[in-house]
C-alpha atoms as a PDB file:
ATOM      1  CA  MET A   1      -0.181 112.859  37.219  1.00  0.00           C
ATOM      2  CA  PRO A   2       1.332 112.194  33.749  1.00  0.00           C
ATOM      3  CA  VAL A   3       5.095 111.914  33.508  1.00  0.00           C
ATOM      4  CA  ALA A   4       5.204 114.733  30.949  1.00  0.00           C
ATOM      5  CA  ASP A   5       3.431 117.057  33.389  1.00  0.00           C
ATOM      6  CA  SER A   6       5.931 116.210  36.110  1.00  0.00           C
ATOM      7  CA  GLU A   7       8.822 116.920  33.768  1.00  0.00           C
ATOM      8  CA  GLU A   8       7.271 120.232  32.718  1.00  0.00           C
ATOM      9  CA  SER A   9       6.864 121.279  36.366  1.00  0.00           C
ATOM     10  CA  LEU A  10      10.499 120.387  37.006  1.00  0.00           C
ATOM     11  CA  GLU A  11      11.713 122.434  34.039  1.00  0.00           C
ATOM     12  CA  ARG A  12       9.680 125.450  35.112  1.00  0.00           C
ATOM     13  CA  PHE A  13      11.088 125.150  38.622  1.00  0.00           C
ATOM     14  CA  LEU A  14      14.689 125.029  37.366  1.00  0.00           C
ATOM     15  CA  ASP A  15      14.073 128.009  35.069  1.00  0.00           C
ATOM     16  CA  ALA A  16      12.658 129.949  38.026  1.00  0.00           C
ATOM     17  CA  LEU A  17      15.716 129.083  40.135  1.00  0.00           C
ATOM     18  CA  TRP A  18      18.047 130.336  37.451  1.00  0.00           C
ATOM     19  CA  LEU A  19      16.096 133.532  36.807  1.00  0.00           C
ATOM     20  CA  GLU A  20      15.352 134.460  40.422  1.00  0.00           C
ATOM     21  CA  HIS A  21      18.500 133.323  42.185  1.00  0.00           C
ATOM     22  CA  GLY A  22      21.127 133.023  39.454  1.00  0.00           C
ATOM     23  CA  LEU A  23      22.303 129.640  40.726  1.00  0.00           C
ATOM     24  CA  SER A  24      25.347 128.096  39.102  1.00  0.00           C
ATOM     25  CA  GLU A  25      25.131 125.412  36.433  1.00  0.00           C
ATOM     26  CA  ASN A  26      26.525 122.815  38.852  1.00  0.00           C
ATOM     27  CA  THR A  27      23.897 123.636  41.494  1.00  0.00           C
ATOM     28  CA  LEU A  28      21.073 123.431  38.963  1.00  0.00           C
ATOM     29  CA  LYS A  29      22.472 120.129  37.715  1.00  0.00           C
ATOM     30  CA  ALA A  30      22.454 118.770  41.275  1.00  0.00           C
ATOM     31  CA  TYR A  31      18.822 119.861  41.787  1.00  0.00           C
ATOM     32  CA  ARG A  32      17.834 118.270  38.499  1.00  0.00           C
ATOM     33  CA  GLY A  33      19.527 114.985  39.348  1.00  0.00           C
ATOM     34  CA  ASP A  34      17.924 114.760  42.795  1.00  0.00           C
ATOM     35  CA  LEU A  35      14.436 115.589  41.568  1.00  0.00           C
ATOM     36  CA  GLU A  36      14.656 113.347  38.510  1.00  0.00           C
ATOM     37  CA  ALA A  37      15.628 110.461  40.817  1.00  0.00           C
ATOM     38  CA  LEU A  38      12.573 111.232  42.954  1.00  0.00           C
ATOM     39  CA  ASN A  39      10.372 111.452  39.862  1.00  0.00           C
ATOM     40  CA  ALA A  40      11.607 108.075  38.632  1.00  0.00           C
ATOM     41  CA  TYR A  41      10.836 106.497  42.028  1.00  0.00           C
ATOM     42  CA  LEU A  42       7.347 108.048  42.146  1.00  0.00           C
ATOM     43  CA  SER A  43       6.604 106.938  38.575  1.00  0.00           C
ATOM     44  CA  GLU A  44       7.220 103.335  39.623  1.00  0.00           C
ATOM     45  CA  HIS A  45       4.445 103.829  42.182  1.00  0.00           C
ATOM     46  CA  GLU A  46       2.195 105.609  39.670  1.00  0.00           C
ATOM     47  CA  VAL A  47       2.503 108.962  41.422  1.00  0.00           C
ATOM     48  CA  GLY A  48       3.670 112.233  39.860  1.00  0.00           C
ATOM     49  CA  LEU A  49       5.921 114.846  41.427  1.00  0.00           C
ATOM     50  CA  VAL A  50       3.116 117.310  42.061  1.00  0.00           C
ATOM     51  CA  ALA A  51       0.817 114.705  43.628  1.00  0.00           C
ATOM     52  CA  ALA A  52       3.448 113.254  45.989  1.00  0.00           C
ATOM     53  CA  GLN A  53       2.488 112.950  49.666  1.00  0.00           C
ATOM     54  CA  PRO A  54       4.754 112.972  52.743  1.00  0.00           C
ATOM     55  CA  HIS A  55       4.732 109.154  53.008  1.00  0.00           C
ATOM     56  CA  HIS A  56       5.976 108.902  49.402  1.00  0.00           C
ATOM     57  CA  LEU A  57       8.897 111.204  50.159  1.00  0.00           C
ATOM     58  CA  HIS A  58       9.694 109.398  53.414  1.00  0.00           C
ATOM     59  CA  ALA A  59       9.783 106.100  51.516  1.00  0.00           C
ATOM     60  CA  PHE A  60      12.069 107.517  48.835  1.00  0.00           C
ATOM     61  CA  LEU A  61      14.552 108.915  51.373  1.00  0.00           C
ATOM     62  CA  HIS A  62      14.483 105.570  53.174  1.00  0.00           C
ATOM     63  CA  THR A  63      15.462 103.784  49.957  1.00  0.00           C
ATOM     64  CA  MET A  64      18.399 106.156  49.633  1.00  0.00           C
ATOM     65  CA  PHE A  65      19.677 105.081  53.050  1.00  0.00           C
ATOM     66  CA  GLN A  66      19.145 101.425  52.068  1.00  0.00           C
ATOM     67  CA  ARG A  67      21.389 102.046  49.063  1.00  0.00           C
ATOM     68  CA  ASN A  68      24.096 103.341  51.432  1.00  0.00           C
ATOM     69  CA  ALA A  69      23.704 107.014  50.552  1.00  0.00           C
ATOM     70  CA  SER A  70      25.412 109.247  53.107  1.00  0.00           C
ATOM     71  CA  ALA A  71      23.428 111.462  55.461  1.00  0.00           C
ATOM     72  CA  ARG A  72      24.840 114.473  53.636  1.00  0.00           C
ATOM     73  CA  THR A  73      23.586 113.177  50.272  1.00  0.00           C
ATOM     74  CA  VAL A  74      20.123 112.503  51.682  1.00  0.00           C
ATOM     75  CA  ALA A  75      20.038 115.953  53.281  1.00  0.00           C
ATOM     76  CA  ARG A  76      20.981 117.558  49.972  1.00  0.00           C
ATOM     77  CA  CYS A  77      18.217 115.630  48.198  1.00  0.00           C
ATOM     78  CA  LEU A  78      15.646 116.688  50.813  1.00  0.00           C
ATOM     79  CA  SER A  79      16.795 120.292  50.399  1.00  0.00           C
ATOM     80  CA  ALA A  80      16.070 120.070  46.660  1.00  0.00           C
ATOM     81  CA  GLN A  81      12.627 118.637  47.412  1.00  0.00           C
ATOM     82  CA  ARG A  82      11.836 121.404  49.900  1.00  0.00           C
ATOM     83  CA  ARG A  83      12.723 124.074  47.394  1.00  0.00           C
ATOM     84  CA  PHE A  84      10.688 122.405  44.653  1.00  0.00           C
ATOM     85  CA  TYR A  85       7.526 121.989  46.711  1.00  0.00           C
ATOM     86  CA  ARG A  86       7.749 125.490  48.157  1.00  0.00           C
ATOM     87  CA  TYR A  87       7.898 126.719  44.583  1.00  0.00           C
ATOM     88  CA  LEU A  88       4.759 124.714  43.737  1.00  0.00           C
ATOM     89  CA  LEU A  89       3.042 126.080  46.845  1.00  0.00           C
ATOM     90  CA  ARG A  90       3.917 129.628  45.856  1.00  0.00           C
ATOM     91  CA  GLU A  91       2.542 128.970  42.368  1.00  0.00           C
ATOM     92  CA  ASN A  92      -0.699 127.568  43.867  1.00  0.00           C
ATOM     93  CA  ARG A  93      -0.048 124.179  42.283  1.00  0.00           C
ATOM     94  CA  ILE A  94      -0.383 122.394  45.626  1.00  0.00           C
ATOM     95  CA  ALA A  95      -2.299 123.185  48.834  1.00  0.00           C
ATOM     96  CA  GLN A  96       0.337 121.882  51.292  1.00  0.00           C
ATOM     97  CA  ASP A  97       4.090 121.346  51.301  1.00  0.00           C
ATOM     98  CA  PRO A  98       4.676 117.564  51.641  1.00  0.00           C
ATOM     99  CA  THR A  99       8.190 118.167  53.001  1.00  0.00           C
ATOM    100  CA  ALA A 100       7.038 120.417  55.867  1.00  0.00           C
ATOM    101  CA  GLU A 101       7.060 117.668  58.503  1.00  0.00           C
ATOM    102  CA  ILE A 102      10.088 115.737  57.223  1.00  0.00           C
ATOM    103  CA  ALA A 103      13.147 116.142  59.429  1.00  0.00           C
ATOM    104  CA  ALA A 104      16.546 116.365  57.802  1.00  0.00           C
ATOM    105  CA  PRO A 105      19.044 113.655  58.789  1.00  0.00           C
ATOM    106  CA  LYS A 106      21.536 114.695  61.434  1.00  0.00           C
ATOM    107  CA  LEU A 107      24.928 115.485  60.001  1.00  0.00           C
ATOM    108  CA  GLY A 108      28.002 114.815  62.061  1.00  0.00           C
ATOM    109  CA  ARG A 109      30.011 117.984  62.479  1.00  0.00           C
ATOM    110  CA  SER A 110      33.173 117.516  60.475  1.00  0.00           C
ATOM    111  CA  LEU A 111      36.395 118.245  62.276  1.00  0.00           C
ATOM    112  CA  PRO A 112      38.666 120.747  60.544  1.00  0.00           C
ATOM    113  CA  ALA A 113      41.803 119.358  58.954  1.00  0.00           C
ATOM    114  CA  SER A 114      44.882 120.237  60.936  1.00  0.00           C
ATOM    115  CA  LEU A 115      48.598 119.520  61.101  1.00  0.00           C
ATOM    116  CA  THR A 116      50.816 118.050  63.766  1.00  0.00           C
ATOM    117  CA  GLU A 117      53.438 120.312  65.289  1.00  0.00           C
ATOM    118  CA  ARG A 118      56.134 118.341  63.456  1.00  0.00           C
ATOM    119  CA  GLN A 119      54.333 118.835  60.140  1.00  0.00           C
ATOM    120  CA  VAL A 120      54.117 122.570  60.774  1.00  0.00           C
ATOM    121  CA  GLU A 121      57.860 122.681  61.476  1.00  0.00           C
ATOM    122  CA  ASP A 122      58.562 120.796  58.224  1.00  0.00           C
ATOM    123  CA  LEU A 123      56.323 123.197  56.307  1.00  0.00           C
ATOM    124  CA  LEU A 124      57.948 126.276  57.826  1.00  0.00           C
ATOM    125  CA  CYS A 125      61.399 124.986  56.881  1.00  0.00           C
ATOM    126  CA  ALA A 126      60.449 124.245  53.249  1.00  0.00           C
ATOM    127  CA  PRO A 127      61.117 127.703  51.688  1.00  0.00           C
ATOM    128  CA  ASP A 128      64.666 128.620  50.680  1.00  0.00           C
ATOM    129  CA  THR A 129      65.253 131.695  52.809  1.00  0.00           C
ATOM    130  CA  GLY A 130      68.412 132.474  50.855  1.00  0.00           C
ATOM    131  CA  THR A 131      66.201 134.042  48.166  1.00  0.00           C
ATOM    132  CA  ALA A 132      63.897 137.050  48.426  1.00  0.00           C
ATOM    133  CA  LEU A 133      60.828 135.005  47.492  1.00  0.00           C
ATOM    134  CA  GLY A 134      61.767 132.211  49.861  1.00  0.00           C
ATOM    135  CA  LEU A 135      62.236 134.636  52.755  1.00  0.00           C
ATOM    136  CA  ARG A 136      58.883 136.270  51.966  1.00  0.00           C
ATOM    137  CA  ASP A 137      57.159 132.887  51.859  1.00  0.00           C
ATOM    138  CA  ARG A 138      58.772 131.714  55.109  1.00  0.00           C
ATOM    139  CA  THR A 139      57.628 134.940  56.751  1.00  0.00           C
ATOM    140  CA  MET A 140      54.056 134.460  55.502  1.00  0.00           C
ATOM    141  CA  LEU A 141      53.968 130.871  56.773  1.00  0.00           C
ATOM    142  CA  GLU A 142      55.346 132.022  60.131  1.00  0.00           C
ATOM    143  CA  MET A 143      52.651 134.698  60.254  1.00  0.00           C
ATOM    144  CA  PHE A 144      49.891 132.207  59.456  1.00  0.00           C
ATOM    145  CA  TYR A 145      50.986 129.891  62.241  1.00  0.00           C
ATOM    146  CA  ALA A 146      51.719 132.654  64.755  1.00  0.00           C
ATOM    147  CA  THR A 147      48.465 134.566  64.300  1.00  0.00           C
ATOM    148  CA  GLY A 148      45.802 132.255  62.855  1.00  0.00           C
ATOM    149  CA  LEU A 149      44.833 134.950  60.346  1.00  0.00           C
ATOM    150  CA  ARG A 150      42.437 134.237  57.511  1.00  0.00           C
ATOM    151  CA  VAL A 151      44.104 134.320  54.099  1.00  0.00           C
ATOM    152  CA  SER A 152      42.239 137.504  53.138  1.00  0.00           C
ATOM    153  CA  GLU A 153      43.389 139.147  56.375  1.00  0.00           C
ATOM    154  CA  LEU A 154      47.027 138.256  55.773  1.00  0.00           C
ATOM    155  CA  VAL A 155      47.262 139.362  52.139  1.00  0.00           C
ATOM    156  CA  ASN A 156      45.433 142.609  52.939  1.00  0.00           C
ATOM    157  CA  LEU A 157      47.813 143.625  55.723  1.00  0.00           C
ATOM    158  CA  ARG A 158      49.435 147.013  55.305  1.00  0.00           C
ATOM    159  CA  ILE A 159      52.800 148.186  56.605  1.00  0.00           C
ATOM    160  CA  ASN A 160      51.215 150.679  58.993  1.00  0.00           C
ATOM    161  CA  GLU A 161      49.182 147.903  60.638  1.00  0.00           C
ATOM    162  CA  LEU A 162      52.330 146.268  61.962  1.00  0.00           C
ATOM    163  CA  ASP A 163      53.867 147.443  65.223  1.00  0.00           C
ATOM    164  CA  ALA A 164      57.276 145.809  65.298  1.00  0.00           C
ATOM    165  CA  ILE A 165      58.179 147.394  68.647  1.00  0.00           C
ATOM    166  CA  THR A 166      55.295 145.852  70.605  1.00  0.00           C
ATOM    167  CA  GLY A 167      55.119 142.770  68.355  1.00  0.00           C
ATOM    168  CA  VAL A 168      51.434 143.235  67.515  1.00  0.00           C
ATOM    169  CA  VAL A 169      49.563 143.408  64.229  1.00  0.00           C
ATOM    170  CA  ARG A 170      46.281 145.261  63.764  1.00  0.00           C
ATOM    171  CA  VAL A 171      43.861 143.116  61.749  1.00  0.00           C
ATOM    172  CA  MET A 172      40.667 144.172  60.023  1.00  0.00           C
ATOM    173  CA  GLY A 173      38.456 141.085  60.131  1.00  0.00           C
ATOM    174  CA  LYS A 174      34.989 140.115  58.982  1.00  0.00           C
ATOM    175  CA  GLY A 175      32.326 142.779  59.301  1.00  0.00           C
ATOM    176  CA  GLY A 176      34.954 145.477  59.571  1.00  0.00           C
ATOM    177  CA  LYS A 177      35.835 144.399  63.108  1.00  0.00           C
ATOM    178  CA  GLU A 178      39.351 145.263  64.205  1.00  0.00           C
ATOM    179  CA  ARG A 179      41.470 143.143  66.531  1.00  0.00           C
ATOM    180  CA  LEU A 180      45.037 143.143  67.792  1.00  0.00           C
ATOM    181  CA  VAL A 181      46.997 139.908  67.426  1.00  0.00           C
ATOM    182  CA  PRO A 182      50.438 139.243  68.955  1.00  0.00           C
ATOM    183  CA  LEU A 183      53.063 137.899  66.572  1.00  0.00           C
ATOM    184  CA  GLY A 184      55.426 135.846  68.681  1.00  0.00           C
ATOM    185  CA  GLU A 185      59.210 135.959  68.663  1.00  0.00           C
ATOM    186  CA  SER A 186      59.858 133.738  65.627  1.00  0.00           C
ATOM    187  CA  ALA A 187      57.350 135.458  63.331  1.00  0.00           C
ATOM    188  CA  LEU A 188      58.561 138.886  64.413  1.00  0.00           C
ATOM    189  CA  ASP A 189      62.181 137.934  63.752  1.00  0.00           C
ATOM    190  CA  TYR A 190      61.382 136.752  60.210  1.00  0.00           C
ATOM    191  CA  LEU A 191      59.286 139.863  59.605  1.00  0.00           C
ATOM    192  CA  GLN A 192      62.236 142.084  60.470  1.00  0.00           C
ATOM    193  CA  HIS A 193      64.495 140.197  58.043  1.00  0.00           C
ATOM    194  CA  TYR A 194      61.821 140.276  55.344  1.00  0.00           C
ATOM    195  CA  LEU A 195      61.228 144.023  55.711  1.00  0.00           C
ATOM    196  CA  ASN A 196      64.932 144.845  55.736  1.00  0.00           C
ATOM    197  CA  GLN A 197      65.943 142.549  52.872  1.00  0.00           C
ATOM    198  CA  ALA A 198      63.421 140.615  50.783  1.00  0.00           C
ATOM    199  CA  ARG A 199      60.698 143.245  50.545  1.00  0.00           C
ATOM    200  CA  VAL A 200      63.196 145.885  49.411  1.00  0.00           C
ATOM    201  CA  ASP A 201      64.550 143.522  46.735  1.00  0.00           C
ATOM    202  CA  LEU A 202      61.068 142.607  45.496  1.00  0.00           C
ATOM    203  CA  LEU A 203      59.895 146.225  45.245  1.00  0.00           C
ATOM    204  CA  ARG A 204      63.000 147.334  43.299  1.00  0.00           C
ATOM    205  CA  GLY A 205      62.508 150.953  44.220  1.00  0.00           C
ATOM    206  CA  LYS A 206      58.741 150.974  43.702  1.00  0.00           C
ATOM    207  CA  LYS A 207      56.304 152.041  46.398  1.00  0.00           C
ATOM    208  CA  SER A 208      53.625 149.871  48.022  1.00  0.00           C
ATOM    209  CA  ASP A 209      51.806 149.948  51.334  1.00  0.00           C
ATOM    210  CA  ALA A 210      51.094 146.195  51.161  1.00  0.00           C
ATOM    211  CA  LEU A 211      53.061 144.181  53.699  1.00  0.00           C
ATOM    212  CA  PHE A 212      53.594 141.171  51.431  1.00  0.00           C
ATOM    213  CA  VAL A 213      54.481 141.921  47.818  1.00  0.00           C
ATOM    214  CA  THR A 214      55.302 140.033  44.623  1.00  0.00           C
ATOM    215  CA  ARG A 215      58.189 140.339  42.179  1.00  0.00           C
ATOM    216  CA  ARG A 216      56.043 142.807  40.239  1.00  0.00           C
ATOM    217  CA  ALA A 217      55.737 144.983  43.362  1.00  0.00           C
ATOM    218  CA  GLY A 218      52.043 144.182  43.668  1.00  0.00           C
ATOM    219  CA  ALA A 219      50.259 142.831  46.729  1.00  0.00           C
ATOM    220  CA  MET A 220      50.035 139.070  47.185  1.00  0.00           C
ATOM    221  CA  THR A 221      46.676 137.557  46.192  1.00  0.00           C
ATOM    222  CA  ARG A 222      44.605 134.895  47.917  1.00  0.00           C
ATOM    223  CA  GLN A 223      45.121 132.546  44.970  1.00  0.00           C
ATOM    224  CA  ALA A 224      48.898 132.970  44.996  1.00  0.00           C
ATOM    225  CA  CYS A 225      48.898 132.325  48.731  1.00  0.00           C
ATOM    226  CA  TRP A 226      46.956 129.078  48.282  1.00  0.00           C
ATOM    227  CA  GLN A 227      49.387 127.874  45.623  1.00  0.00           C
ATOM    228  CA  MET A 228      52.360 128.840  47.768  1.00  0.00           C
ATOM    229  CA  ILE A 229      51.191 126.720  50.707  1.00  0.00           C
ATOM    230  CA  LYS A 230      50.377 123.736  48.506  1.00  0.00           C
ATOM    231  CA  ARG A 231      53.789 123.941  46.845  1.00  0.00           C
ATOM    232  CA  TYR A 232      55.684 123.940  50.128  1.00  0.00           C
ATOM    233  CA  GLY A 233      53.451 121.184  51.448  1.00  0.00           C
ATOM    234  CA  LEU A 234      54.683 118.950  48.620  1.00  0.00           C
ATOM    235  CA  ILE A 235      58.287 119.908  49.325  1.00  0.00           C
ATOM    236  CA  ALA A 236      57.786 119.086  53.025  1.00  0.00           C
ATOM    237  CA  GLY A 237      56.245 115.720  52.130  1.00  0.00           C
ATOM    238  CA  ILE A 238      52.912 116.510  53.776  1.00  0.00           C
ATOM    239  CA  ARG A 239      50.124 114.337  52.399  1.00  0.00           C
ATOM    240  CA  THR A 240      47.331 116.161  54.243  1.00  0.00           C
ATOM    241  CA  PRO A 241      45.426 118.513  51.887  1.00  0.00           C
ATOM    242  CA  LEU A 242      46.752 121.995  52.634  1.00  0.00           C
ATOM    243  CA  SER A 243      45.231 125.450  52.449  1.00  0.00           C
ATOM    244  CA  PRO A 244      45.677 128.712  54.358  1.00  0.00           C
ATOM    245  CA  HIS A 245      42.771 127.614  56.543  1.00  0.00           C
ATOM    246  CA  THR A 246      44.725 124.495  57.525  1.00  0.00           C
ATOM    247  CA  MET A 247      47.292 126.757  59.152  1.00  0.00           C
ATOM    248  CA  ARG A 248      44.509 128.619  60.962  1.00  0.00           C
ATOM    249  CA  HIS A 249      43.216 125.297  62.294  1.00  0.00           C
ATOM    250  CA  ALA A 250      46.710 124.294  63.393  1.00  0.00           C
ATOM    251  CA  PHE A 251      47.138 127.614  65.197  1.00  0.00           C
ATOM    252  CA  ALA A 252      43.923 127.144  67.197  1.00  0.00           C
ATOM    253  CA  THR A 253      44.376 123.434  67.865  1.00  0.00           C
ATOM    254  CA  HIS A 254      47.947 123.726  69.079  1.00  0.00           C
ATOM    255  CA  LEU A 255      47.052 126.629  71.366  1.00  0.00           C
ATOM    256  CA  LEU A 256      44.324 124.561  73.007  1.00  0.00           C
ATOM    257  CA  ASN A 257      46.582 121.507  73.215  1.00  0.00           C
ATOM    258  CA  HIS A 258      49.049 123.609  75.182  1.00  0.00           C
ATOM    259  CA  GLY A 259      46.480 124.905  77.628  1.00  0.00           C
ATOM    260  CA  ALA A 260      45.043 128.086  76.088  1.00  0.00           C
ATOM    261  CA  ASP A 261      41.482 128.901  77.149  1.00  0.00           C
ATOM    262  CA  LEU A 262      38.702 128.926  74.573  1.00  0.00           C
ATOM    263  CA  ARG A 263      37.780 132.582  75.051  1.00  0.00           C
ATOM    264  CA  SER A 264      41.325 133.734  74.299  1.00  0.00           C
ATOM    265  CA  VAL A 265      41.447 131.606  71.152  1.00  0.00           C
ATOM    266  CA  GLN A 266      38.110 133.098  70.097  1.00  0.00           C
ATOM    267  CA  MET A 267      39.533 136.617  70.409  1.00  0.00           C
ATOM    268  CA  LEU A 268      42.686 135.731  68.482  1.00  0.00           C
ATOM    269  CA  LEU A 269      40.733 134.109  65.648  1.00  0.00           C
ATOM    270  CA  GLY A 270      38.266 136.972  65.458  1.00  0.00           C
ATOM    271  CA  HIS A 271      35.197 134.776  65.897  1.00  0.00           C
ATOM    272  CA  ALA A 272      32.086 136.776  66.753  1.00  0.00           C
ATOM    273  CA  ASP A 273      30.471 133.775  68.447  1.00  0.00           C
ATOM    274  CA  LEU A 274      32.174 131.415  70.891  1.00  0.00           C
ATOM    275  CA  SER A 275      30.244 128.474  69.396  1.00  0.00           C
ATOM    276  CA  THR A 276      32.287 128.878  66.196  1.00  0.00           C
ATOM    277  CA  THR A 277      35.477 128.397  68.188  1.00  0.00           C
ATOM    278  CA  GLN A 278      34.158 125.425  70.140  1.00  0.00           C
ATOM    279  CA  ILE A 279      34.720 123.029  67.255  1.00  0.00           C
ATOM    280  CA  TYR A 280      38.439 123.230  68.053  1.00  0.00           C
ATOM    281  CA  THR A 281      37.789 121.685  71.447  1.00  0.00           C
ATOM    282  CA  HIS A 282      36.609 118.591  69.579  1.00  0.00           C
ATOM    283  CA  VAL A 283      39.913 118.503  67.700  1.00  0.00           C
ATOM    284  CA  ALA A 284      41.835 118.711  70.963  1.00  0.00           C
ATOM    285  CA  GLN A 285      39.624 116.023  72.490  1.00  0.00           C
ATOM    286  CA  GLU A 286      40.364 113.706  69.570  1.00  0.00           C
ATOM    287  CA  ARG A 287      44.073 114.125  70.229  1.00  0.00           C
ATOM    288  CA  LEU A 288      43.593 113.365  73.922  1.00  0.00           C
ATOM    289  CA  LYS A 289      41.572 110.246  73.085  1.00  0.00           C
ATOM    290  CA  LYS A 290      44.336 109.051  70.785  1.00  0.00           C
ATOM    291  CA  LEU A 291      47.012 109.667  73.425  1.00  0.00           C
ATOM    292  CA  HIS A 292      44.922 107.839  76.012  1.00  0.00           C
ATOM    293  CA  ALA A 293      44.380 104.871  73.709  1.00  0.00           C
ATOM    294  CA  GLU A 294      48.083 104.663  72.876  1.00  0.00           C
ATOM    295  CA  HIS A 295      49.608 105.147  76.295  1.00  0.00           C
ATOM    296  CA  HIS A 296      47.101 104.223  79.008  1.00  0.00           C
ATOM    297  CA  PRO A 297      47.422 100.600  80.236  1.00  0.00           C
ATOM    298  CA  ARG A 298      43.675 100.160  79.817  1.00  0.00           C
ATOM    299  CA  GLY A 299      43.278 102.448  76.822  1.00  0.00           C
END
């Protein structure tokens, strides 16, 4: 197949992706790069994109591994190929999908980033609680660590969802599923101080049903929450990349490290499926392996 024909097929495919699925410019650029690399390889073997057979694609993916490409990079490239050849099949340009029998490389499940208990303590102590904003931020950090809430769940909390007497917060999670999460003594104590002092100062007489508010009396946003955690991470000298989800990981990991059962952690996190929670057992196991290696005489 002529090179020009291959390039034309590629352009039509990318146009179809953009029109039908509205993919971002970065995604389309990634597809283009992967398929142009495949086209260049096939051209060296006098084969065009449309005429490629499974053994050609196998050979190309093998060369990627030989060039030390990661399994994730190879998997992404194969995904681009699958989409391209399914498009050609749908357009009746080919009779069979050459990627149909090609297995994707196995990707190791990445462990979520977490923090040590000492790092969490340093982070919690970073805000200046002598100011209204500092007390609000300390309370939010305490809430993150005490509850494992998602950032959207925390910033969307309303005053009436907090039961300070029983020490429980009512959370509306993914899919509109409601759960009750205990706060713990420290988080509850800071919440009381925040509600009695900092929140009143920040609102300046204005009304809001949001639990956490800004100096303009509006509700905290996800973006502001991200920036807040990163800022205090720098103050605390934490080099680990931080996000609200890092606190959620720390919450789950530390619970398991201290003997909590997986089902209870699942309920607290609001996971619909236990398999989603099970990744945290791997985090705990990594800690146990490290302790064993450091302290066991034959570690």
